[in-house]
Protein backbone atom coordinates (compact mmCIF):
# COMPACT_ATOMS: atom_id res chain seq x y z
CA MET A 1 20.57 -8.74 -13.71
CA SER A 2 20.05 -10.09 -10.28
CA GLY A 3 17.69 -8.85 -7.60
CA HIS A 4 17.16 -9.11 -3.90
CA MET A 5 13.83 -9.34 -2.11
CA ASP A 6 13.86 -8.29 1.53
CA GLY A 7 11.30 -9.18 4.17
CA LEU A 8 9.09 -6.23 3.26
CA GLY A 9 8.60 -7.28 -0.34
CA PHE A 10 10.96 -4.67 -1.84
CA LEU A 11 13.09 -5.43 -4.83
CA SER A 12 15.94 -3.13 -5.59
CA VAL A 13 18.14 -3.87 -8.56
CA SER A 14 21.12 -2.02 -9.97
CA GLY A 15 23.12 -4.12 -12.39
CA ASP A 16 24.41 -7.03 -10.30
CA GLU A 17 24.36 -5.05 -7.06
CA ILE A 18 21.56 -4.34 -4.66
CA ASP A 19 20.35 -0.73 -4.62
CA GLU A 20 19.33 0.05 -1.04
CA ARG A 21 18.31 3.67 -1.65
CA SER A 22 14.71 4.71 -1.09
CA PRO A 23 12.49 5.33 -4.12
CA SER A 24 12.84 9.12 -3.75
CA GLU A 25 16.65 8.80 -3.61
CA ARG A 26 16.53 6.78 -6.84
CA GLY A 27 14.40 9.50 -8.49
CA GLY A 28 11.18 7.46 -8.27
CA ARG A 29 7.83 7.92 -6.59
CA TRP A 30 5.36 5.37 -5.26
CA TYR A 31 2.34 4.55 -7.45
CA ALA A 32 -0.65 2.29 -6.77
CA VAL A 33 -1.31 -0.68 -9.01
CA GLN A 34 -4.75 -2.28 -9.14
CA THR A 35 -4.66 -6.03 -9.70
CA TYR A 36 -7.24 -8.65 -10.54
CA PRO A 37 -8.69 -10.45 -7.49
CA HIS A 38 -6.16 -12.49 -5.50
CA ARG A 39 -3.31 -11.68 -7.93
CA GLU A 40 -1.32 -9.26 -5.72
CA GLU A 41 1.56 -11.66 -5.01
CA ALA A 42 1.82 -12.78 -8.63
CA VAL A 43 1.89 -9.14 -9.79
CA GLU A 44 4.58 -8.37 -7.21
CA ARG A 45 6.67 -11.24 -8.58
CA HIS A 46 6.12 -10.24 -12.25
CA LEU A 47 7.03 -6.60 -11.56
CA SER A 48 10.20 -7.69 -9.76
CA TYR A 49 11.17 -9.71 -12.85
CA GLN A 50 10.91 -6.38 -14.74
CA ASP A 51 13.27 -4.70 -12.22
CA PHE A 52 10.63 -2.57 -10.46
CA ALA A 53 10.79 -1.97 -6.71
CA THR A 54 7.50 -3.00 -5.12
CA TYR A 55 5.80 -2.89 -1.75
CA LEU A 56 2.97 -5.27 -0.95
CA PRO A 57 1.73 -4.77 2.62
CA ARG A 58 0.32 -7.98 4.08
CA SER A 59 -1.89 -8.96 6.98
CA LEU A 60 -2.72 -12.23 8.69
CA ARG A 61 -6.21 -13.58 8.08
CA THR A 62 -7.79 -16.60 9.72
CA VAL A 63 -9.68 -18.74 7.23
CA ARG A 64 -12.13 -21.52 8.08
CA HIS A 65 -12.82 -24.29 5.63
CA ALA A 66 -14.22 -27.78 6.19
CA ARG A 67 -13.91 -27.53 9.99
CA ARG A 68 -10.30 -26.46 9.79
CA THR A 69 -8.83 -23.07 10.49
CA ALA A 70 -5.66 -21.72 9.02
CA THR A 71 -3.89 -18.39 9.27
CA LYS A 72 -2.75 -17.06 5.91
CA ARG A 73 -0.70 -14.07 4.80
CA VAL A 74 -2.87 -12.00 2.47
CA ALA A 75 -2.64 -8.60 0.85
CA TYR A 76 -3.55 -5.85 3.33
CA PHE A 77 -5.31 -3.89 0.58
CA ASP A 78 -7.29 -6.30 -1.56
CA ARG A 79 -6.36 -5.89 -5.23
CA TYR A 80 -3.65 -3.23 -4.66
CA LEU A 81 0.09 -2.96 -4.25
CA PHE A 82 2.64 -0.18 -4.73
CA VAL A 83 5.43 0.19 -7.26
CA SER A 84 8.31 2.68 -7.32
CA VAL A 85 8.81 4.25 -10.71
CA ASP A 86 10.74 7.18 -12.13
CA VAL A 87 8.21 8.02 -14.88
CA ASP A 88 10.71 10.21 -16.70
CA ARG A 89 13.37 7.49 -16.92
CA GLN A 90 11.70 4.09 -16.68
CA ARG A 91 9.40 2.35 -19.14
CA TRP A 92 6.35 2.48 -16.86
CA ARG A 93 3.76 1.70 -19.51
CA CYS A 94 4.73 -1.97 -19.41
CA ILE A 95 3.22 -2.16 -15.88
CA ASN A 96 -0.28 -2.08 -17.40
CA GLY A 97 0.66 -5.05 -19.60
CA THR A 98 1.99 -7.11 -16.71
CA LEU A 99 0.17 -10.39 -16.07
CA GLY A 100 -2.40 -9.87 -13.30
CA VAL A 101 -2.43 -6.05 -13.46
CA LYS A 102 -5.77 -4.43 -14.09
CA SER A 103 -4.38 -0.90 -14.21
CA LEU A 104 -1.76 1.45 -12.89
CA ILE A 105 -3.77 4.22 -11.18
CA MET A 106 -3.67 7.11 -13.64
CA CYS A 107 -4.45 10.81 -13.86
CA GLY A 108 -4.98 11.48 -17.51
CA GLN A 109 -2.07 10.11 -19.52
CA ARG A 110 0.35 9.77 -16.59
CA PRO A 111 0.42 7.63 -13.46
CA LEU A 112 -0.95 9.30 -10.33
CA PRO A 113 1.67 9.27 -7.56
CA VAL A 114 0.70 8.27 -4.04
CA PRO A 115 1.04 11.34 -1.77
CA ILE A 116 4.52 11.51 -0.26
CA GLY A 117 4.67 9.92 3.15
CA ILE A 118 1.80 7.43 2.78
CA VAL A 119 3.82 4.41 1.59
CA GLU A 120 6.76 5.40 3.78
CA THR A 121 4.46 5.39 6.83
CA LEU A 122 3.10 1.98 5.86
CA VAL A 123 6.65 0.65 5.44
CA SER A 124 7.61 1.92 8.90
CA ALA A 125 4.68 -0.04 10.40
CA THR A 126 5.65 -3.28 8.64
CA ASP A 127 7.42 -5.94 10.67
CA GLU A 128 10.26 -8.23 9.54
CA ALA A 129 7.79 -10.83 8.27
CA GLY A 130 6.17 -8.25 5.95
CA ILE A 131 3.02 -7.90 8.07
CA LEU A 132 1.60 -4.38 8.29
CA ARG A 133 0.89 -3.48 11.91
CA SER A 134 -1.07 -0.28 11.28
CA THR A 135 -2.65 -0.19 14.72
CA SER A 136 0.77 0.68 16.17
CA LEU A 137 0.58 3.96 14.22
CA LEU A 138 -3.06 4.76 14.91
CA LYS A 139 -3.63 6.60 18.14
CA PRO A 140 -6.69 8.69 19.10
CA GLY A 141 -6.01 12.36 18.38
CA SER A 142 -3.60 11.64 15.49
CA ARG A 143 -4.20 13.06 12.05
CA VAL A 144 -5.17 10.51 9.40
CA ARG A 145 -5.87 10.31 5.67
CA VAL A 146 -8.66 8.18 4.23
CA ILE A 147 -7.17 5.97 1.50
CA ALA A 148 -10.24 4.14 0.20
CA GLY A 149 -13.98 4.53 -0.21
CA SER A 150 -16.20 7.54 -0.86
CA LEU A 151 -14.13 9.79 1.43
CA MET A 152 -10.79 8.90 -0.20
CA ASP A 153 -8.03 11.51 0.27
CA ARG A 154 -9.96 13.35 3.00
CA LEU A 155 -8.01 14.32 6.10
CA GLY A 156 -9.32 13.92 9.62
CA VAL A 157 -8.53 13.26 13.25
CA LEU A 158 -8.84 9.76 14.69
CA ASP A 159 -11.40 9.87 17.48
CA SER A 160 -11.46 6.22 18.54
CA LEU A 161 -10.81 2.59 17.52
CA ASP A 162 -12.99 -0.36 18.37
CA GLY A 163 -12.11 -4.02 18.66
CA ARG A 164 -13.99 -4.99 15.50
CA GLY A 165 -11.82 -3.10 13.01
CA ALA A 166 -13.74 0.18 12.81
CA ALA A 167 -12.40 3.64 13.42
CA SER A 168 -14.31 6.79 14.29
CA VAL A 169 -12.76 9.71 12.41
CA LEU A 170 -13.63 13.41 12.71
CA ILE A 171 -13.76 14.88 9.21
CA ALA A 172 -14.57 18.46 8.24
CA ILE A 173 -17.66 18.34 6.01
CA MET A 174 -19.40 21.56 5.02
CA GLY A 175 -17.66 23.53 7.75
CA ARG A 176 -18.49 21.12 10.59
CA GLN A 177 -16.60 18.29 12.26
CA VAL A 178 -18.54 15.11 11.54
CA SER A 179 -17.77 11.76 13.16
CA VAL A 180 -17.61 9.09 10.47
CA SER A 181 -17.19 5.33 11.02
CA ILE A 182 -14.52 3.97 8.65
CA SER A 183 -12.78 0.62 8.37
CA ARG A 184 -9.43 0.77 10.15
CA ASP A 185 -7.87 -0.59 6.92
CA HIS A 186 -9.04 2.52 5.04
CA ILE A 187 -7.06 5.07 7.04
CA VAL A 188 -3.37 5.74 7.46
CA PRO A 189 -1.67 8.13 9.86
CA LEU A 190 -0.05 11.26 8.51
CA SER A 191 3.63 11.52 9.20
């Protein structure tokens, strides 16, 4: 079997031909995979060898070392990437045994799918170089979902963004709208 990796980090394989359908059109859903530290790219590569479609959003990070600065492409979500799986047709259990994978995010005995629209929204904000430009989707007044931290899966309204990477989000807590400061990387817009 041969595969094709596009600029976004997707691999779609169907025999010797490229399958350009979305995961939902192929019968699959997106699932989150937790990796060991700094192993996201290796896991993406190993899953592609196993014919899984993956999405690894990336960002640019400036690193200083020994008086030198360099800009590197790194995983947008440290220790996470997404894999498209049809759990009723594919052998998904092998994902947990993949080199570099800590765990497929599970709910009981089955993988827990990412809510529909989350990964698709991230993909739509990814440029040709595979860099996630989430700020293009985040506008004050837009509805957002918290995707990490103690408020994970809570819905809110983006109140403001600052230049340091923080977002102020209005979240309903105990019947009141409370303004919460959250890392911009921990929210995604709702489609």
